[in-house]
PDB file of N, CA and C in Angstrom:
ATOM      1  N   MET A   1       0.849  -1.180   0.000  1.00  0.00           N
ATOM      2  CA  MET A   1       0.000   0.000   0.000  1.00  0.00           C
ATOM      3  C   MET A   1       0.892   1.239   0.000  1.00  0.00           C
ATOM      4  N   ALA A   2       0.650   2.158  -0.900  1.00  0.00           N
ATOM      5  CA  ALA A   2       1.355   3.437  -0.897  1.00  0.00           C
ATOM      6  C   ALA A   2       0.862   4.242   0.288  1.00  0.00           C
ATOM      7  N   TYR A   3       1.760   4.989   0.890  1.00  0.00           N
ATOM      8  CA  TYR A   3       1.391   5.725   2.089  1.00  0.00           C
ATOM      9  C   TYR A   3       1.882   7.154   2.009  1.00  0.00           C
ATOM     10  N   THR A   4       1.011   8.083   2.288  1.00  0.00           N
ATOM     11  CA  THR A   4       1.393   9.485   2.416  1.00  0.00           C
ATOM     12  C   THR A   4       0.861   9.989   3.744  1.00  0.00           C
ATOM     13  N   THR A   5       1.554  10.933   4.309  1.00  0.00           N
ATOM     14  CA  THR A   5       1.165  11.435   5.623  1.00  0.00           C
ATOM     15  C   THR A   5       0.013  12.407   5.533  1.00  0.00           C
ATOM     16  N   GLY A   6      -0.589  12.677   6.665  1.00  0.00           N
ATOM     17  CA  GLY A   6      -1.633  13.694   6.745  1.00  0.00           C
ATOM     18  C   GLY A   6      -0.979  15.062   6.668  1.00  0.00           C
ATOM     19  N   ASP A   7      -1.031  15.673   5.537  1.00  0.00           N
ATOM     20  CA  ASP A   7      -0.386  16.957   5.299  1.00  0.00           C
ATOM     21  C   ASP A   7      -1.269  18.087   5.817  1.00  0.00           C
ATOM     22  N   PRO A   8      -0.728  18.965   6.690  1.00  0.00           N
ATOM     23  CA  PRO A   8      -1.529  20.076   7.199  1.00  0.00           C
ATOM     24  C   PRO A   8      -2.126  20.949   6.099  1.00  0.00           C
ATOM     25  N   GLU A   9      -1.469  20.977   4.949  1.00  0.00           N
ATOM     26  CA  GLU A   9      -1.977  21.770   3.831  1.00  0.00           C
ATOM     27  C   GLU A   9      -3.297  21.218   3.299  1.00  0.00           C
ATOM     28  N   THR A  10      -3.542  19.946   3.505  1.00  0.00           N
ATOM     29  CA  THR A  10      -4.762  19.329   2.980  1.00  0.00           C
ATOM     30  C   THR A  10      -5.854  19.200   4.036  1.00  0.00           C
ATOM     31  N   ILE A  11      -5.522  19.497   5.292  1.00  0.00           N
ATOM     32  CA  ILE A  11      -6.494  19.405   6.380  1.00  0.00           C
ATOM     33  C   ILE A  11      -7.165  20.769   6.546  1.00  0.00           C
ATOM     34  N   LYS A  12      -8.444  20.808   6.268  1.00  0.00           N
ATOM     35  CA  LYS A  12      -9.211  22.044   6.432  1.00  0.00           C
ATOM     36  C   LYS A  12      -9.557  22.224   7.910  1.00  0.00           C
ATOM     37  N   PRO A  13      -9.798  23.457   8.355  1.00  0.00           N
ATOM     38  CA  PRO A  13     -10.125  23.679   9.763  1.00  0.00           C
ATOM     39  C   PRO A  13     -11.297  22.825  10.259  1.00  0.00           C
ATOM     40  N   GLU A  14     -12.313  22.640   9.426  1.00  0.00           N
ATOM     41  CA  GLU A  14     -13.466  21.829   9.847  1.00  0.00           C
ATOM     42  C   GLU A  14     -13.053  20.371  10.072  1.00  0.00           C
ATOM     43  N   MET A  15     -12.157  19.900   9.227  1.00  0.00           N
ATOM     44  CA  MET A  15     -11.657  18.538   9.373  1.00  0.00           C
ATOM     45  C   MET A  15     -10.824  18.415  10.648  1.00  0.00           C
ATOM     46  N   ALA A  16     -10.002  19.423  10.911  1.00  0.00           N
ATOM     47  CA  ALA A  16      -9.163  19.411  12.112  1.00  0.00           C
ATOM     48  C   ALA A  16     -10.020  19.364  13.370  1.00  0.00           C
ATOM     49  N   VAL A  17     -11.105  20.112  13.376  1.00  0.00           N
ATOM     50  CA  VAL A  17     -12.015  20.101  14.524  1.00  0.00           C
ATOM     51  C   VAL A  17     -12.614  18.709  14.702  1.00  0.00           C
ATOM     52  N   GLN A  18     -13.031  18.072  13.616  1.00  0.00           N
ATOM     53  CA  GLN A  18     -13.603  16.725  13.718  1.00  0.00           C
ATOM     54  C   GLN A  18     -12.569  15.721  14.222  1.00  0.00           C
ATOM     55  N   ILE A  19     -11.361  15.804  13.715  1.00  0.00           N
ATOM     56  CA  ILE A  19     -10.300  14.901  14.164  1.00  0.00           C
ATOM     57  C   ILE A  19     -10.024  15.107  15.651  1.00  0.00           C
ATOM     58  N   ARG A  20     -10.025  16.361  16.097  1.00  0.00           N
ATOM     59  CA  ARG A  20      -9.805  16.656  17.520  1.00  0.00           C
ATOM     60  C   ARG A  20     -10.930  16.072  18.373  1.00  0.00           C
ATOM     61  N   ILE A  21     -12.145  16.186  17.899  1.00  0.00           N
ATOM     62  CA  ILE A  21     -13.284  15.607  18.633  1.00  0.00           C
ATOM     63  C   ILE A  21     -13.085  14.105  18.786  1.00  0.00           C
ATOM     64  N   TRP A  22     -12.745  13.426  17.691  1.00  0.00           N
ATOM     65  CA  TRP A  22     -12.534  11.982  17.767  1.00  0.00           C
ATOM     66  C   TRP A  22     -11.436  11.626  18.760  1.00  0.00           C
ATOM     67  N   ARG A  23     -10.286  12.283  18.631  1.00  0.00           N
ATOM     68  CA  ARG A  23      -9.113  11.910  19.434  1.00  0.00           C
ATOM     69  C   ARG A  23      -9.220  12.374  20.881  1.00  0.00           C
ATOM     70  N   VAL A  24      -9.606  13.635  21.078  1.00  0.00           N
ATOM     71  CA  VAL A  24      -9.571  14.232  22.414  1.00  0.00           C
ATOM     72  C   VAL A  24     -10.880  14.003  23.170  1.00  0.00           C
ATOM     73  N   ASP A  25     -11.980  14.391  22.579  1.00  0.00           N
ATOM     74  CA  ASP A  25     -13.265  14.324  23.288  1.00  0.00           C
ATOM     75  C   ASP A  25     -13.801  12.900  23.400  1.00  0.00           C
ATOM     76  N   GLU A  26     -13.649  12.124  22.320  1.00  0.00           N
ATOM     77  CA  GLU A  26     -14.206  10.775  22.310  1.00  0.00           C
ATOM     78  C   GLU A  26     -13.173   9.688  22.615  1.00  0.00           C
ATOM     79  N   GLY A  27     -11.891  10.082  22.741  1.00  0.00           N
ATOM     80  CA  GLY A  27     -10.854   9.138  23.144  1.00  0.00           C
ATOM     81  C   GLY A  27     -10.502   8.076  22.121  1.00  0.00           C
ATOM     82  N   PHE A  28     -10.680   8.381  20.843  1.00  0.00           N
ATOM     83  CA  PHE A  28     -10.355   7.416  19.793  1.00  0.00           C
ATOM     84  C   PHE A  28      -8.844   7.140  19.773  1.00  0.00           C
ATOM     85  N   SER A  29      -8.471   5.902  19.499  1.00  0.00           N
ATOM     86  CA  SER A  29      -7.078   5.563  19.231  1.00  0.00           C
ATOM     87  C   SER A  29      -6.708   6.106  17.852  1.00  0.00           C
ATOM     88  N   TRP A  30      -5.415   6.074  17.527  1.00  0.00           N
ATOM     89  CA  TRP A  30      -5.004   6.516  16.194  1.00  0.00           C
ATOM     90  C   TRP A  30      -5.651   5.651  15.119  1.00  0.00           C
ATOM     91  N   ARG A  31      -5.771   4.349  15.380  1.00  0.00           N
ATOM     92  CA  ARG A  31      -6.430   3.462  14.420  1.00  0.00           C
ATOM     93  C   ARG A  31      -7.899   3.852  14.223  1.00  0.00           C
ATOM     94  N   ALA A  32      -8.555   4.159  15.326  1.00  0.00           N
ATOM     95  CA  ALA A  32      -9.970   4.533  15.238  1.00  0.00           C
ATOM     96  C   ALA A  32     -10.140   5.867  14.512  1.00  0.00           C
ATOM     97  N   VAL A  33      -9.231   6.821  14.751  1.00  0.00           N
ATOM     98  CA  VAL A  33      -9.276   8.101  14.027  1.00  0.00           C
ATOM     99  C   VAL A  33      -9.110   7.844  12.534  1.00  0.00           C
ATOM    100  N   ALA A  34      -8.140   7.004  12.182  1.00  0.00           N
ATOM    101  CA  ALA A  34      -7.905   6.695  10.773  1.00  0.00           C
ATOM    102  C   ALA A  34      -9.138   6.068  10.130  1.00  0.00           C
ATOM    103  N   GLN A  35      -9.757   5.123  10.840  1.00  0.00           N
ATOM    104  CA  GLN A  35     -10.939   4.461  10.280  1.00  0.00           C
ATOM    105  C   GLN A  35     -12.100   5.436  10.140  1.00  0.00           C
ATOM    106  N   ALA A  36     -12.326   6.263  11.154  1.00  0.00           N
ATOM    107  CA  ALA A  36     -13.419   7.243  11.091  1.00  0.00           C
ATOM    108  C   ALA A  36     -13.192   8.229   9.948  1.00  0.00           C
ATOM    109  N   ALA A  37     -11.955   8.681   9.791  1.00  0.00           N
ATOM    110  CA  ALA A  37     -11.638   9.611   8.705  1.00  0.00           C
ATOM    111  C   ALA A  37     -11.812   8.931   7.350  1.00  0.00           C
ATOM    112  N   SER A  38     -11.366   7.692   7.260  1.00  0.00           N
ATOM    113  CA  SER A  38     -11.513   6.950   6.008  1.00  0.00           C
ATOM    114  C   SER A  38     -12.985   6.768   5.651  1.00  0.00           C
ATOM    115  N   ASP A  39     -13.795   6.461   6.654  1.00  0.00           N
ATOM    116  CA  ASP A  39     -15.229   6.281   6.421  1.00  0.00           C
ATOM    117  C   ASP A  39     -15.896   7.589   6.007  1.00  0.00           C
ATOM    118  N   LEU A  40     -15.538   8.674   6.686  1.00  0.00           N
ATOM    119  CA  LEU A  40     -16.194   9.959   6.434  1.00  0.00           C
ATOM    120  C   LEU A  40     -15.716  10.625   5.150  1.00  0.00           C
ATOM    121  N   TRP A  41     -14.388  10.590   4.902  1.00  0.00           N
ATOM    122  CA  TRP A  41     -13.821  11.345   3.792  1.00  0.00           C
ATOM    123  C   TRP A  41     -13.309  10.470   2.647  1.00  0.00           C
ATOM    124  N   GLY A  42     -13.555   9.173   2.735  1.00  0.00           N
ATOM    125  CA  GLY A  42     -13.223   8.299   1.626  1.00  0.00           C
ATOM    126  C   GLY A  42     -11.746   8.022   1.430  1.00  0.00           C
ATOM    127  N   SER A  43     -10.978   7.949   2.492  1.00  0.00           N
ATOM    128  CA  SER A  43      -9.565   7.635   2.378  1.00  0.00           C
ATOM    129  C   SER A  43      -9.375   6.147   2.118  1.00  0.00           C
ATOM    130  N   GLU A  44      -8.292   5.805   1.477  1.00  0.00           N
ATOM    131  CA  GLU A  44      -7.969   4.413   1.180  1.00  0.00           C
ATOM    132  C   GLU A  44      -7.215   3.724   2.310  1.00  0.00           C
ATOM    133  N   TYR A  45      -6.891   4.445   3.385  1.00  0.00           N
ATOM    134  CA  TYR A  45      -6.006   3.903   4.417  1.00  0.00           C
ATOM    135  C   TYR A  45      -6.709   3.109   5.507  1.00  0.00           C
ATOM    136  N   GLY A  46      -8.015   3.146   5.559  1.00  0.00           N
ATOM    137  CA  GLY A  46      -8.739   2.373   6.561  1.00  0.00           C
ATOM    138  C   GLY A  46      -8.280   2.702   7.966  1.00  0.00           C
ATOM    139  N   SER A  47      -7.923   1.678   8.721  1.00  0.00           N
ATOM    140  CA  SER A  47      -7.531   1.888  10.115  1.00  0.00           C
ATOM    141  C   SER A  47      -6.017   1.898  10.298  1.00  0.00           C
ATOM    142  N   ASN A  48      -5.282   2.351   9.298  1.00  0.00           N
ATOM    143  CA  ASN A  48      -3.826   2.420   9.382  1.00  0.00           C
ATOM    144  C   ASN A  48      -3.416   3.350  10.525  1.00  0.00           C
ATOM    145  N   GLN A  49      -2.725   2.786  11.515  1.00  0.00           N
ATOM    146  CA  GLN A  49      -2.349   3.541  12.716  1.00  0.00           C
ATOM    147  C   GLN A  49      -1.474   4.748  12.391  1.00  0.00           C
ATOM    148  N   LEU A  50      -0.535   4.587  11.475  1.00  0.00           N
ATOM    149  CA  LEU A  50       0.347   5.704  11.112  1.00  0.00           C
ATOM    150  C   LEU A  50      -0.441   6.838  10.466  1.00  0.00           C
ATOM    151  N   TYR A  51      -1.419   6.484   9.662  1.00  0.00           N
ATOM    152  CA  TYR A  51      -2.277   7.489   9.042  1.00  0.00           C
ATOM    153  C   TYR A  51      -3.055   8.244  10.119  1.00  0.00           C
ATOM    154  N   GLY A  52      -3.602   7.533  11.091  1.00  0.00           N
ATOM    155  CA  GLY A  52      -4.328   8.180  12.180  1.00  0.00           C
ATOM    156  C   GLY A  52      -3.454   9.114  12.983  1.00  0.00           C
ATOM    157  N   GLU A  53      -2.236   8.687  13.267  1.00  0.00           N
ATOM    158  CA  GLU A  53      -1.303   9.545  13.999  1.00  0.00           C
ATOM    159  C   GLU A  53      -0.992  10.798  13.195  1.00  0.00           C
ATOM    160  N   ASP A  54      -0.721  10.623  11.909  1.00  0.00           N
ATOM    161  CA  ASP A  54      -0.409  11.771  11.060  1.00  0.00           C
ATOM    162  C   ASP A  54      -1.592  12.734  10.949  1.00  0.00           C
ATOM    163  N   LEU A  55      -2.792  12.192  10.884  1.00  0.00           N
ATOM    164  CA  LEU A  55      -3.976  13.056  10.858  1.00  0.00           C
ATOM    165  C   LEU A  55      -4.065  13.888  12.143  1.00  0.00           C
ATOM    166  N   CYS A  56      -3.794  13.259  13.274  1.00  0.00           N
ATOM    167  CA  CYS A  56      -3.862  13.970  14.552  1.00  0.00           C
ATOM    168  C   CYS A  56      -2.792  15.062  14.632  1.00  0.00           C
ATOM    169  N   VAL A  57      -1.590  14.748  14.179  1.00  0.00           N
ATOM    170  CA  VAL A  57      -0.509  15.739  14.176  1.00  0.00           C
ATOM    171  C   VAL A  57      -0.886  16.919  13.274  1.00  0.00           C
ATOM    172  N   ALA A  58      -1.368  16.614  12.083  1.00  0.00           N
ATOM    173  CA  ALA A  58      -1.745  17.671  11.141  1.00  0.00           C
ATOM    174  C   ALA A  58      -2.893  18.508  11.696  1.00  0.00           C
ATOM    175  N   ALA A  59      -3.887  17.864  12.292  1.00  0.00           N
ATOM    176  CA  ALA A  59      -5.028  18.591  12.847  1.00  0.00           C
ATOM    177  C   ALA A  59      -4.593  19.498  13.994  1.00  0.00           C
ATOM    178  N   ALA A  60      -3.746  18.995  14.859  1.00  0.00           N
ATOM    179  CA  ALA A  60      -3.256  19.809  15.978  1.00  0.00           C
ATOM    180  C   ALA A  60      -2.530  21.048  15.459  1.00  0.00           C
ATOM    181  N   LYS A  61      -1.710  20.862  14.447  1.00  0.00           N
ATOM    182  CA  LYS A  61      -0.973  22.000  13.879  1.00  0.00           C
ATOM    183  C   LYS A  61      -1.921  23.018  13.258  1.00  0.00           C
ATOM    184  N   VAL A  62      -2.933  22.547  12.544  1.00  0.00           N
ATOM    185  CA  VAL A  62      -3.921  23.458  11.948  1.00  0.00           C
ATOM    186  C   VAL A  62      -4.615  24.270  13.040  1.00  0.00           C
ATOM    187  N   LEU A  63      -4.865  23.634  14.177  1.00  0.00           N
ATOM    188  CA  LEU A  63      -5.556  24.299  15.284  1.00  0.00           C
ATOM    189  C   LEU A  63      -4.612  25.074  16.191  1.00  0.00           C
ATOM    190  N   GLY A  64      -3.321  25.111  15.849  1.00  0.00           N
ATOM    191  CA  GLY A  64      -2.341  25.866  16.636  1.00  0.00           C
ATOM    192  C   GLY A  64      -1.993  25.197  17.952  1.00  0.00           C
ATOM    193  N   GLU A  65      -2.113  23.880  18.013  1.00  0.00           N
ATOM    194  CA  GLU A  65      -1.815  23.133  19.232  1.00  0.00           C
ATOM    195  C   GLU A  65      -0.592  22.253  19.021  1.00  0.00           C
ATOM    196  N   ASP A  66       0.006  21.836  20.112  1.00  0.00           N
ATOM    197  CA  ASP A  66       1.175  20.967  20.073  1.00  0.00           C
ATOM    198  C   ASP A  66       0.699  19.515  20.127  1.00  0.00           C
ATOM    199  N   PRO A  67       0.917  18.750  19.057  1.00  0.00           N
ATOM    200  CA  PRO A  67       0.408  17.382  19.018  1.00  0.00           C
ATOM    201  C   PRO A  67       1.087  16.431  20.000  1.00  0.00           C
ATOM    202  N   SER A  68       2.221  16.834  20.565  1.00  0.00           N
ATOM    203  CA  SER A  68       2.929  15.963  21.492  1.00  0.00           C
ATOM    204  C   SER A  68       2.566  16.238  22.954  1.00  0.00           C
ATOM    205  N   ARG A  69       1.669  17.168  23.176  1.00  0.00           N
ATOM    206  CA  ARG A  69       1.273  17.537  24.536  1.00  0.00           C
ATOM    207  C   ARG A  69      -0.216  17.291  24.734  1.00  0.00           C
ATOM    208  N   GLU A  70      -0.624  17.386  25.969  1.00  0.00           N
ATOM    209  CA  GLU A  70      -2.053  17.269  26.296  1.00  0.00           C
ATOM    210  C   GLU A  70      -2.816  18.366  25.570  1.00  0.00           C
ATOM    211  N   PRO A  71      -3.977  18.130  25.097  1.00  0.00           N
ATOM    212  CA  PRO A  71      -4.793  16.943  25.297  1.00  0.00           C
ATOM    213  C   PRO A  71      -4.625  15.875  24.228  1.00  0.00           C
ATOM    214  N   TRP A  72      -3.712  16.098  23.273  1.00  0.00           N
ATOM    215  CA  TRP A  72      -3.575  15.181  22.135  1.00  0.00           C
ATOM    216  C   TRP A  72      -2.936  13.859  22.501  1.00  0.00           C
ATOM    217  N   ASN A  73      -2.000  13.879  23.425  1.00  0.00           N
ATOM    218  CA  ASN A  73      -1.284  12.645  23.759  1.00  0.00           C
ATOM    219  C   ASN A  73      -1.350  12.326  25.215  1.00  0.00           C
TER     220      ASN A  73
END
């Protein structure tokens, strides 16, 4: 499977908010974030853990937050 990271340039603010809700408010794992994003936005990555992590990092950056600190990690 070809793999590309969640690029902040492609994450819209509305998407970042949804990803934050999944990860922070609902406590989704990176795999669960990846699957939810794949289901909602039609990604080919399914529940790929690396994809979920990259989405969370990109979303945090779009929202001006540090992805390595609370509440993201």
